[in-house]
Structures are given as C-alpha cells and as structure tokens.
C-alpha cells in the first residue's frame, strides 16, 4: 500500500469517526414527570400535583426527557419509577400514617398509579361553620420520582381520595378532597 492510499484511508476513517461523534453529544439534561391521564381523561390546568380519586382510580404518568440539542423524548417505558409516602405530609384524615405502597396506592413499571385497598382519604376539610361547603387541605400524599441514566425527575405529589371524607355541616355530602364525589 502506498502513502497516498494509506493517507486517504486514514483521512476517511477519521472523517467517519468524527461524524459518529457528532451525534453522541446529544445528552439527557432533565426529566419532566407529568400526568398523561387521570381515570382515563387528560388533565387540564395543573402540573406536579394530582389526586388519586376513587378506589381503583388511576393516574397514568408520563416521563419526558429533555436533551441538550433542545429535543424531547418520551421516556415513560424506560425510566425507573419510585413511589414513597411523603415524609412530611404522611397521614390520612384521621391522623393515621399512610401505608407504604403497594397498600393504598401502587405503581406499575409503566407508570400507572392505582388506588388500592385499604382505601384512604388524605384530605381534611378546614371550613368552619357557618360555611356550608368544604375548604380542602391535604395532610398526606405519595411522592413519585423517576430516574434514567443517572438523572432524577422533579417529585410529583399524589394525595389520595379513595374513601369518603368525614360528613359534617361544612361537608354534608362527606366528600374527600376537591373535585371528589361521594
């Protein structure tokens, strides 16, 4: 092999390797965790905080990867999901500590959160008479994060409304949390 051919082959090889490297600079920067569906319906107007309503109710999570080239990619089926009882807001309406998943709430490997037994209400009605409608504050929730390629998402907070609330003059129908039904 003469020098010209060797030089041309070396130049071509360097060109191929440098072109391969161009595509490799696209790096995962962050992961945004959202709810895609709540009980089969797309949510509107909120982010990062969703109530798990009704025993058997579901929240389908979606993990969106944000890359250094400005593009996004749905990572929902490749991330690792983690769900724990929130260490700060961890009780039900009676002050009982929420059980660890999969009790009361479970999460699948595809990000489907489901309300399970035992049912719970982690909302309290803070309205005082003469009010005749509830005013809600949550006292317990489950915290969900996802991880992929060493990147962890922001936490998502999920209060539970899978049982009825406490009926009172300010909550005559005994609902549990905003938007719930009896």
C-alpha atoms as a PDB file:
ATOM      1  CA  UNK A   1       0.000   0.000   0.000  1.00  0.00           C
ATOM      2  CA  UNK A   2       1.480   3.354  -0.963  1.00  0.00           C
ATOM      3  CA  UNK A   3       1.470   6.517   1.147  1.00  0.00           C
ATOM      4  CA  UNK A   4      -1.323   8.234  -0.827  1.00  0.00           C
ATOM      5  CA  UNK A   5      -3.700   5.302  -0.373  1.00  0.00           C
ATOM      6  CA  UNK A   6      -2.784   4.958   3.315  1.00  0.00           C
ATOM      7  CA  UNK A   7      -3.274   8.693   3.865  1.00  0.00           C
ATOM      8  CA  UNK A   8      -6.658   8.648   2.060  1.00  0.00           C
ATOM      9  CA  UNK A   9      -7.817   5.627   4.082  1.00  0.00           C
ATOM     10  CA  UNK A  10      -6.710   7.264   7.337  1.00  0.00           C
ATOM     11  CA  UNK A  11      -8.471  10.520   6.409  1.00  0.00           C
ATOM     12  CA  UNK A  12     -11.687   8.643   5.582  1.00  0.00           C
ATOM     13  CA  UNK A  13     -11.530   6.718   8.854  1.00  0.00           C
ATOM     14  CA  UNK A  14     -11.046   9.947  10.833  1.00  0.00           C
ATOM     15  CA  UNK A  15     -13.971  11.548   8.995  1.00  0.00           C
ATOM     16  CA  UNK A  16     -16.257   8.596   9.789  1.00  0.00           C
ATOM     17  CA  UNK A  17     -15.300   8.625  13.485  1.00  0.00           C
ATOM     18  CA  UNK A  18     -15.727  12.395  13.758  1.00  0.00           C
ATOM     19  CA  UNK A  19     -19.188  12.168  12.172  1.00  0.00           C
ATOM     20  CA  UNK A  20     -20.199   9.437  14.628  1.00  0.00           C
ATOM     21  CA  UNK A  21     -19.091  11.659  17.475  1.00  0.00           C
ATOM     22  CA  UNK A  22     -21.385  14.481  16.339  1.00  0.00           C
ATOM     23  CA  UNK A  23     -24.492  12.501  17.184  1.00  0.00           C
ATOM     24  CA  UNK A  24     -23.116  11.444  20.538  1.00  0.00           C
ATOM     25  CA  UNK A  25     -23.086  14.963  22.014  1.00  0.00           C
ATOM     26  CA  UNK A  26     -26.885  14.854  22.475  1.00  0.00           C
ATOM     27  CA  UNK A  27     -27.136  14.349  26.253  1.00  0.00           C
ATOM     28  CA  UNK A  28     -30.114  13.916  28.589  1.00  0.00           C
ATOM     29  CA  UNK A  29     -30.372  17.099  30.676  1.00  0.00           C
ATOM     30  CA  UNK A  30     -33.550  16.624  32.731  1.00  0.00           C
ATOM     31  CA  UNK A  31     -36.743  14.610  33.043  1.00  0.00           C
ATOM     32  CA  UNK A  32     -40.181  16.198  33.450  1.00  0.00           C
ATOM     33  CA  UNK A  33     -42.770  13.988  35.158  1.00  0.00           C
ATOM     34  CA  UNK A  34     -46.420  14.668  34.248  1.00  0.00           C
ATOM     35  CA  UNK A  35     -49.817  13.016  34.424  1.00  0.00           C
ATOM     36  CA  UNK A  36     -50.963  11.936  30.958  1.00  0.00           C
ATOM     37  CA  UNK A  37     -54.348  10.559  32.072  1.00  0.00           C
ATOM     38  CA  UNK A  38     -56.379  10.675  35.287  1.00  0.00           C
ATOM     39  CA  UNK A  39     -59.032   7.946  35.391  1.00  0.00           C
ATOM     40  CA  UNK A  40     -58.680   7.764  31.610  1.00  0.00           C
ATOM     41  CA  UNK A  41     -59.103  11.514  30.966  1.00  0.00           C
ATOM     42  CA  UNK A  42     -56.379  14.022  30.048  1.00  0.00           C
ATOM     43  CA  UNK A  43     -55.848  16.505  32.918  1.00  0.00           C
ATOM     44  CA  UNK A  44     -56.198  20.231  32.363  1.00  0.00           C
ATOM     45  CA  UNK A  45     -54.624  23.203  34.059  1.00  0.00           C
ATOM     46  CA  UNK A  46     -52.389  21.658  36.694  1.00  0.00           C
ATOM     47  CA  UNK A  47     -48.921  20.216  36.978  1.00  0.00           C
ATOM     48  CA  UNK A  48     -46.953  18.237  39.552  1.00  0.00           C
ATOM     49  CA  UNK A  49     -49.906  17.635  41.884  1.00  0.00           C
ATOM     50  CA  UNK A  50     -52.760  15.215  41.151  1.00  0.00           C
ATOM     51  CA  UNK A  51     -55.331  13.499  43.390  1.00  0.00           C
ATOM     52  CA  UNK A  52     -55.797   9.738  43.099  1.00  0.00           C
ATOM     53  CA  UNK A  53     -59.611   9.560  43.170  1.00  0.00           C
ATOM     54  CA  UNK A  54     -61.785   6.544  43.828  1.00  0.00           C
ATOM     55  CA  UNK A  55     -60.813   3.036  44.832  1.00  0.00           C
ATOM     56  CA  UNK A  56     -59.300   1.609  41.641  1.00  0.00           C
ATOM     57  CA  UNK A  57     -58.750   5.142  40.297  1.00  0.00           C
ATOM     58  CA  UNK A  58     -55.663   5.635  38.153  1.00  0.00           C
ATOM     59  CA  UNK A  59     -53.125   8.218  37.119  1.00  0.00           C
ATOM     60  CA  UNK A  60     -51.011   7.363  34.066  1.00  0.00           C
ATOM     61  CA  UNK A  61     -47.661   9.111  34.411  1.00  0.00           C
ATOM     62  CA  UNK A  62     -45.520  10.331  31.527  1.00  0.00           C
ATOM     63  CA  UNK A  63     -41.768  10.996  31.732  1.00  0.00           C
ATOM     64  CA  UNK A  64     -40.419  13.438  29.134  1.00  0.00           C
ATOM     65  CA  UNK A  65     -36.647  13.609  28.631  1.00  0.00           C
ATOM     66  CA  UNK A  66     -35.152  16.990  27.731  1.00  0.00           C
ATOM     67  CA  UNK A  67     -31.935  16.713  25.709  1.00  0.00           C
ATOM     68  CA  UNK A  68     -29.012  19.069  25.128  1.00  0.00           C
ATOM     69  CA  UNK A  69     -29.988  19.569  21.471  1.00  0.00           C
ATOM     70  CA  UNK A  70     -33.353  21.017  22.572  1.00  0.00           C
ATOM     71  CA  UNK A  71     -35.354  17.941  21.601  1.00  0.00           C
ATOM     72  CA  UNK A  72     -37.622  15.944  23.884  1.00  0.00           C
ATOM     73  CA  UNK A  73     -38.335  12.226  24.031  1.00  0.00           C
ATOM     74  CA  UNK A  74     -40.988  10.176  25.826  1.00  0.00           C
ATOM     75  CA  UNK A  75     -39.061   8.038  28.320  1.00  0.00           C
ATOM     76  CA  UNK A  76     -42.116   6.615  30.118  1.00  0.00           C
ATOM     77  CA  UNK A  77     -41.314   2.995  29.265  1.00  0.00           C
ATOM     78  CA  UNK A  78     -37.589   3.118  30.077  1.00  0.00           C
ATOM     79  CA  UNK A  79     -37.414   5.096  33.331  1.00  0.00           C
ATOM     80  CA  UNK A  80     -37.429   3.543  36.790  1.00  0.00           C
ATOM     81  CA  UNK A  81     -40.404   4.676  38.899  1.00  0.00           C
ATOM     82  CA  UNK A  82     -40.161   5.161  42.670  1.00  0.00           C
ATOM     83  CA  UNK A  83     -43.128   5.898  44.964  1.00  0.00           C
ATOM     84  CA  UNK A  84     -42.902   6.552  48.703  1.00  0.00           C
ATOM     85  CA  UNK A  85     -45.067   8.053  51.426  1.00  0.00           C
ATOM     86  CA  UNK A  86     -44.193  11.756  51.713  1.00  0.00           C
ATOM     87  CA  UNK A  87     -42.102  12.102  54.904  1.00  0.00           C
ATOM     88  CA  UNK A  88     -43.690  15.495  55.737  1.00  0.00           C
ATOM     89  CA  UNK A  89     -47.333  15.002  54.682  1.00  0.00           C
ATOM     90  CA  UNK A  90     -47.928  11.389  55.587  1.00  0.00           C
ATOM     91  CA  UNK A  91     -51.311  10.903  57.279  1.00  0.00           C
ATOM     92  CA  UNK A  92     -54.951  10.322  56.381  1.00  0.00           C
ATOM     93  CA  UNK A  93     -57.939  12.391  57.548  1.00  0.00           C
ATOM     94  CA  UNK A  94     -57.898  10.619  60.934  1.00  0.00           C
ATOM     95  CA  UNK A  95     -54.182  11.182  61.566  1.00  0.00           C
ATOM     96  CA  UNK A  96     -53.190   7.583  60.749  1.00  0.00           C
ATOM     97  CA  UNK A  97     -49.897   7.201  58.888  1.00  0.00           C
ATOM     98  CA  UNK A  98     -50.427   6.245  55.238  1.00  0.00           C
ATOM     99  CA  UNK A  99     -49.224   2.714  54.494  1.00  0.00           C
ATOM    100  CA  UNK A 100     -46.251   2.156  52.193  1.00  0.00           C
ATOM    101  CA  UNK A 101     -47.006   1.193  48.586  1.00  0.00           C
ATOM    102  CA  UNK A 102     -48.486  -1.064  47.302  1.00  0.00           C
ATOM    103  CA  UNK A 103     -51.074  -0.536  50.055  1.00  0.00           C
ATOM    104  CA  UNK A 104     -53.482   2.372  49.365  1.00  0.00           C
ATOM    105  CA  UNK A 105     -51.525   3.259  46.194  1.00  0.00           C
ATOM    106  CA  UNK A 106     -49.356   1.209  43.848  1.00  0.00           C
ATOM    107  CA  UNK A 107     -47.294   1.985  40.767  1.00  0.00           C
ATOM    108  CA  UNK A 108     -46.553  -0.282  37.805  1.00  0.00           C
ATOM    109  CA  UNK A 109     -43.332  -0.465  35.796  1.00  0.00           C
ATOM    110  CA  UNK A 110     -45.081   1.577  33.086  1.00  0.00           C
ATOM    111  CA  UNK A 111     -46.052   4.400  35.476  1.00  0.00           C
ATOM    112  CA  UNK A 112     -49.687   3.567  36.156  1.00  0.00           C
ATOM    113  CA  UNK A 113     -50.566   4.677  39.701  1.00  0.00           C
ATOM    114  CA  UNK A 114     -53.636   2.863  41.088  1.00  0.00           C
ATOM    115  CA  UNK A 115     -55.663   3.397  44.276  1.00  0.00           C
ATOM    116  CA  UNK A 116     -55.731   0.085  46.147  1.00  0.00           C
ATOM    117  CA  UNK A 117     -57.022  -1.289  49.451  1.00  0.00           C
ATOM    118  CA  UNK A 118     -57.086  -0.112  52.111  1.00  0.00           C
ATOM    119  CA  UNK A 119     -58.957   2.960  50.840  1.00  0.00           C
ATOM    120  CA  UNK A 120     -57.963   6.296  52.364  1.00  0.00           C
ATOM    121  CA  UNK A 121     -58.727   9.993  52.343  1.00  0.00           C
ATOM    122  CA  UNK A 122     -55.644  12.172  52.804  1.00  0.00           C
ATOM    123  CA  UNK A 123     -57.619  15.443  52.604  1.00  0.00           C
ATOM    124  CA  UNK A 124     -59.148  17.306  55.524  1.00  0.00           C
ATOM    125  CA  UNK A 125     -61.968  19.822  55.496  1.00  0.00           C
ATOM    126  CA  UNK A 126     -60.772  23.005  57.227  1.00  0.00           C
ATOM    127  CA  UNK A 127     -64.005  25.001  56.727  1.00  0.00           C
ATOM    128  CA  UNK A 128     -65.693  26.231  59.887  1.00  0.00           C
ATOM    129  CA  UNK A 129     -69.394  26.958  60.382  1.00  0.00           C
ATOM    130  CA  UNK A 130     -71.375  28.870  59.289  1.00  0.00           C
ATOM    131  CA  UNK A 131     -69.746  27.744  55.997  1.00  0.00           C
ATOM    132  CA  UNK A 132     -71.777  25.031  54.285  1.00  0.00           C
ATOM    133  CA  UNK A 133     -69.155  23.996  51.733  1.00  0.00           C
ATOM    134  CA  UNK A 134     -65.794  22.366  52.405  1.00  0.00           C
ATOM    135  CA  UNK A 135     -62.394  24.029  52.177  1.00  0.00           C
ATOM    136  CA  UNK A 136     -59.657  21.491  51.479  1.00  0.00           C
ATOM    137  CA  UNK A 137     -56.104  20.904  52.678  1.00  0.00           C
ATOM    138  CA  UNK A 138     -54.209  17.692  52.117  1.00  0.00           C
ATOM    139  CA  UNK A 139     -52.383  16.116  55.040  1.00  0.00           C
ATOM    140  CA  UNK A 140     -50.905  13.111  53.247  1.00  0.00           C
ATOM    141  CA  UNK A 141     -49.598  12.140  49.840  1.00  0.00           C
ATOM    142  CA  UNK A 142     -47.402   9.760  47.949  1.00  0.00           C
ATOM    143  CA  UNK A 143     -44.310  11.174  46.249  1.00  0.00           C
ATOM    144  CA  UNK A 144     -43.272   9.792  42.856  1.00  0.00           C
ATOM    145  CA  UNK A 145     -39.991  10.340  41.008  1.00  0.00           C
ATOM    146  CA  UNK A 146     -38.369   8.661  38.020  1.00  0.00           C
ATOM    147  CA  UNK A 147     -34.711   8.017  37.239  1.00  0.00           C
ATOM    148  CA  UNK A 148     -32.954   7.320  33.945  1.00  0.00           C
ATOM    149  CA  UNK A 149     -29.255   7.469  33.028  1.00  0.00           C
ATOM    150  CA  UNK A 150     -28.464   8.963  36.440  1.00  0.00           C
ATOM    151  CA  UNK A 151     -30.971  11.819  36.021  1.00  0.00           C
ATOM    152  CA  UNK A 152     -33.841  12.113  38.520  1.00  0.00           C
ATOM    153  CA  UNK A 153     -37.111  13.935  37.801  1.00  0.00           C
ATOM    154  CA  UNK A 154     -38.780  16.515  39.994  1.00  0.00           C
ATOM    155  CA  UNK A 155     -41.154  14.957  42.538  1.00  0.00           C
ATOM    156  CA  UNK A 156     -44.857  14.561  41.844  1.00  0.00           C
ATOM    157  CA  UNK A 157     -47.199  14.691  44.852  1.00  0.00           C
ATOM    158  CA  UNK A 158     -50.292  12.469  44.865  1.00  0.00           C
ATOM    159  CA  UNK A 159     -52.870  12.842  47.675  1.00  0.00           C
ATOM    160  CA  UNK A 160     -55.439  10.042  47.926  1.00  0.00           C
ATOM    161  CA  UNK A 161     -59.239  10.280  47.825  1.00  0.00           C
ATOM    162  CA  UNK A 162     -60.231   6.618  47.546  1.00  0.00           C
ATOM    163  CA  UNK A 163     -62.607   6.645  50.530  1.00  0.00           C
ATOM    164  CA  UNK A 164     -65.266   9.068  51.699  1.00  0.00           C
ATOM    165  CA  UNK A 165     -64.472  12.083  53.812  1.00  0.00           C
ATOM    166  CA  UNK A 166     -65.935  12.971  57.170  1.00  0.00           C
ATOM    167  CA  UNK A 167     -69.509  14.288  56.847  1.00  0.00           C
ATOM    168  CA  UNK A 168     -70.189  17.499  58.770  1.00  0.00           C
ATOM    169  CA  UNK A 169     -72.174  20.723  58.493  1.00  0.00           C
ATOM    170  CA  UNK A 170     -69.387  22.098  56.282  1.00  0.00           C
ATOM    171  CA  UNK A 171     -69.173  18.839  54.289  1.00  0.00           C
ATOM    172  CA  UNK A 172     -72.737  17.496  54.271  1.00  0.00           C
ATOM    173  CA  UNK A 173     -72.123  15.019  51.432  1.00  0.00           C
ATOM    174  CA  UNK A 174     -68.994  13.511  53.026  1.00  0.00           C
ATOM    175  CA  UNK A 175     -66.764  14.082  50.018  1.00  0.00           C
ATOM    176  CA  UNK A 176     -62.988  13.652  50.209  1.00  0.00           C
ATOM    177  CA  UNK A 177     -60.977  16.461  48.661  1.00  0.00           C
ATOM    178  CA  UNK A 178     -61.611  18.926  45.873  1.00  0.00           C
ATOM    179  CA  UNK A 179     -63.461  17.561  42.901  1.00  0.00           C
ATOM    180  CA  UNK A 180     -64.268  14.249  44.532  1.00  0.00           C
ATOM    181  CA  UNK A 181     -67.704  12.714  44.682  1.00  0.00           C
ATOM    182  CA  UNK A 182     -69.333  10.638  47.384  1.00  0.00           C
END
